[in-house]
Amino acid sequence: MNTVSEGNNSVIKGWLHQLRRSRTPSLGQRELNALDVVWAKGQCSAQDVLDELDDDVSLSTVQSTLERLHRKTLLQRTKSGRAFLYQAKVTRSELISSLIHDISDDFGAEDGTALIVGFIDFLASTDPDLHQRMRGALENPDDLDSPEPPC
């Protein structure tokens, strides 16, 4: 990704963060990374999360991060000896769906067309093959019923 795109993405993320009406909790990068570990492992301790993270952080930082996610009701926890075991209360898809609802609410997308067009434009820069398939499906919806050609 080039520097201009990275700068634009951070501006957009900051702007969207300000627009959000707290339907979906605001999440920092460390929280997202911790969620990724919990989603992958199913149930884990703070030490398990620390072992998987690439960050150079302490166990207490990971514990604080997991505690914040618990307070945001994204994780549930159970006591196991002296430690807590964490498990996700929402799936990645549910979180993404909630974020899409927030964006739709913020921009007043009554019919969702702008949301879909924006998503398809996003795909153009991140996954050109999927972008082409999506555009093709929109232009020829009857093709959705036919099996996908082999790669």
Protein backbone atom coordinates (compact mmCIF):
# COMPACT_ATOMS: atom_id res chain seq x y z
CA MET A 1 0.00 0.00 0.00
CA ASN A 2 1.42 3.43 -0.80
CA THR A 3 1.86 6.25 1.68
CA VAL A 4 -1.00 8.31 0.28
CA SER A 5 -3.44 5.40 0.66
CA GLU A 6 -2.22 4.70 4.19
CA GLY A 7 -2.69 8.37 5.11
CA ASN A 8 -6.18 8.43 3.61
CA ASN A 9 -7.12 5.22 5.43
CA SER A 10 -6.07 6.63 8.81
CA VAL A 11 -8.00 9.84 8.15
CA ILE A 12 -11.09 7.87 7.15
CA LYS A 13 -10.77 5.54 10.17
CA GLY A 14 -10.49 8.53 12.50
CA TRP A 15 -13.44 10.26 10.88
CA LEU A 16 -15.61 7.15 11.02
CA HIS A 17 -14.60 6.64 14.65
CA GLN A 18 -15.98 10.11 15.43
CA LEU A 19 -19.21 9.44 13.50
CA ARG A 20 -20.00 6.14 15.20
CA ARG A 21 -22.85 6.20 17.66
CA SER A 22 -21.52 3.45 19.93
CA ARG A 23 -23.57 0.61 18.46
CA THR A 24 -20.27 -1.16 17.90
CA PRO A 25 -17.54 -0.40 20.43
CA SER A 26 -14.53 1.49 19.17
CA LEU A 27 -11.54 -0.85 18.91
CA GLY A 28 -7.83 -0.16 18.81
CA GLN A 29 -5.31 -2.19 16.84
CA ARG A 30 -4.11 -4.11 19.92
CA GLU A 31 -7.73 -5.03 20.74
CA LEU A 32 -8.29 -6.24 17.18
CA ASN A 33 -5.10 -8.30 17.33
CA ALA A 34 -6.18 -9.86 20.64
CA LEU A 35 -9.63 -10.64 19.19
CA ASP A 36 -7.96 -12.36 16.23
CA VAL A 37 -6.10 -14.64 18.65
CA VAL A 38 -9.22 -15.43 20.68
CA TRP A 39 -11.22 -16.15 17.51
CA ALA A 40 -8.48 -18.49 16.27
CA LYS A 41 -8.03 -20.35 19.56
CA GLY A 42 -11.64 -20.44 20.75
CA GLN A 43 -10.77 -20.12 24.45
CA CYS A 44 -7.49 -18.85 25.84
CA SER A 45 -5.70 -17.12 28.67
CA ALA A 46 -3.88 -13.80 28.54
CA GLN A 47 -0.62 -15.77 28.35
CA ASP A 48 -1.93 -17.65 25.30
CA VAL A 49 -2.75 -14.33 23.63
CA LEU A 50 0.65 -12.89 24.53
CA ASP A 51 2.38 -15.93 23.02
CA GLU A 52 0.60 -15.34 19.69
CA LEU A 53 1.04 -11.56 19.42
CA ASP A 54 3.91 -10.11 17.41
CA ASP A 55 3.94 -6.99 19.61
CA ASP A 56 6.60 -6.49 22.22
CA VAL A 57 4.14 -6.03 25.10
CA SER A 58 3.93 -7.27 28.65
CA LEU A 59 1.48 -9.77 30.08
CA SER A 60 -0.19 -7.00 32.10
CA THR A 61 -0.79 -5.03 28.88
CA VAL A 62 -2.47 -8.06 27.31
CA GLN A 63 -4.52 -8.61 30.47
CA SER A 64 -5.67 -4.97 30.34
CA THR A 65 -6.56 -5.32 26.67
CA LEU A 66 -8.62 -8.46 27.32
CA GLU A 67 -10.32 -6.75 30.28
CA ARG A 68 -11.33 -3.83 28.02
CA LEU A 69 -12.75 -6.27 25.46
CA HIS A 70 -14.66 -7.98 28.27
CA ARG A 71 -16.11 -4.64 29.43
CA LYS A 72 -17.09 -3.88 25.84
CA THR A 73 -19.02 -7.20 25.95
CA LEU A 74 -17.00 -8.71 23.11
CA LEU A 75 -15.42 -11.38 25.32
CA GLN A 76 -16.74 -13.54 28.11
CA ARG A 77 -14.42 -14.88 30.75
CA THR A 78 -14.34 -17.68 33.28
CA LYS A 79 -12.02 -18.07 36.24
CA SER A 80 -9.54 -20.95 35.97
CA GLY A 81 -7.30 -21.10 38.99
CA ARG A 82 -5.67 -17.69 39.33
CA ALA A 83 -6.24 -16.72 35.69
CA PHE A 84 -9.17 -15.96 33.44
CA LEU A 85 -9.97 -17.86 30.27
CA TYR A 86 -11.47 -15.69 27.53
CA GLN A 87 -13.88 -16.64 24.78
CA ALA A 88 -15.43 -14.45 22.09
CA LYS A 89 -19.07 -13.48 22.55
CA VAL A 90 -19.34 -12.37 18.91
CA THR A 91 -17.97 -13.84 15.71
CA ARG A 92 -15.83 -11.88 13.29
CA SER A 93 -18.80 -11.82 10.88
CA GLU A 94 -21.13 -10.45 13.57
CA LEU A 95 -18.67 -7.68 14.40
CA ILE A 96 -18.23 -6.77 10.74
CA SER A 97 -22.01 -6.80 10.25
CA SER A 98 -22.41 -4.45 13.20
CA LEU A 99 -19.81 -2.09 11.75
CA ILE A 100 -21.61 -2.11 8.40
CA HIS A 101 -24.88 -1.28 10.19
CA ASP A 102 -23.11 1.63 11.89
CA ILE A 103 -21.80 2.96 8.58
CA SER A 104 -25.21 2.57 6.98
CA ASP A 105 -26.88 4.39 9.89
CA ASP A 106 -24.27 7.17 9.85
CA PHE A 107 -24.69 7.81 6.14
CA GLY A 108 -28.44 7.25 6.00
CA ALA A 109 -28.19 4.57 3.34
CA GLU A 110 -31.89 3.84 2.92
CA ASP A 111 -31.60 1.36 0.08
CA GLY A 112 -28.00 0.29 0.68
CA THR A 113 -26.89 1.04 -2.87
CA ALA A 114 -24.14 3.46 -1.81
CA LEU A 115 -22.92 0.95 0.76
CA ILE A 116 -22.69 -1.84 -1.84
CA VAL A 117 -21.03 0.41 -4.42
CA GLY A 118 -18.54 1.59 -1.80
CA PHE A 119 -17.75 -2.00 -0.88
CA ILE A 120 -17.24 -2.97 -4.51
CA ASP A 121 -14.94 0.02 -5.00
CA PHE A 122 -13.02 -1.09 -1.90
CA LEU A 123 -12.59 -4.55 -3.43
CA ALA A 124 -11.04 -3.01 -6.55
CA SER A 125 -8.02 -1.95 -4.51
CA THR A 126 -7.81 -4.96 -2.19
CA ASP A 127 -8.91 -8.00 -4.23
CA PRO A 128 -9.21 -7.29 -7.96
CA ASP A 129 -10.35 -10.85 -8.78
CA LEU A 130 -13.20 -10.76 -6.28
CA HIS A 131 -14.04 -7.25 -7.50
CA GLN A 132 -14.45 -8.55 -11.06
CA ARG A 133 -16.60 -11.48 -9.89
CA MET A 134 -18.83 -9.14 -7.85
CA ARG A 135 -19.26 -6.74 -10.78
CA GLY A 136 -20.05 -9.68 -13.04
CA ALA A 137 -22.62 -11.00 -10.57
CA LEU A 138 -24.31 -7.61 -10.41
CA GLU A 139 -24.41 -7.31 -14.19
CA ASN A 140 -25.62 -10.92 -14.66
CA PRO A 141 -27.47 -12.02 -11.49
CA ASP A 142 -28.67 -15.22 -13.21
CA ASP A 143 -25.04 -16.40 -13.29
CA LEU A 144 -25.09 -16.65 -9.49
CA ASP A 145 -26.95 -19.96 -9.71
CA SER A 146 -24.36 -21.59 -11.97
CA PRO A 147 -21.32 -23.24 -10.37
CA GLU A 148 -18.12 -21.25 -10.24
CA PRO A 149 -15.63 -22.21 -12.95
CA PRO A 150 -12.58 -24.14 -11.72
CA CYS A 151 -9.40 -22.14 -11.15
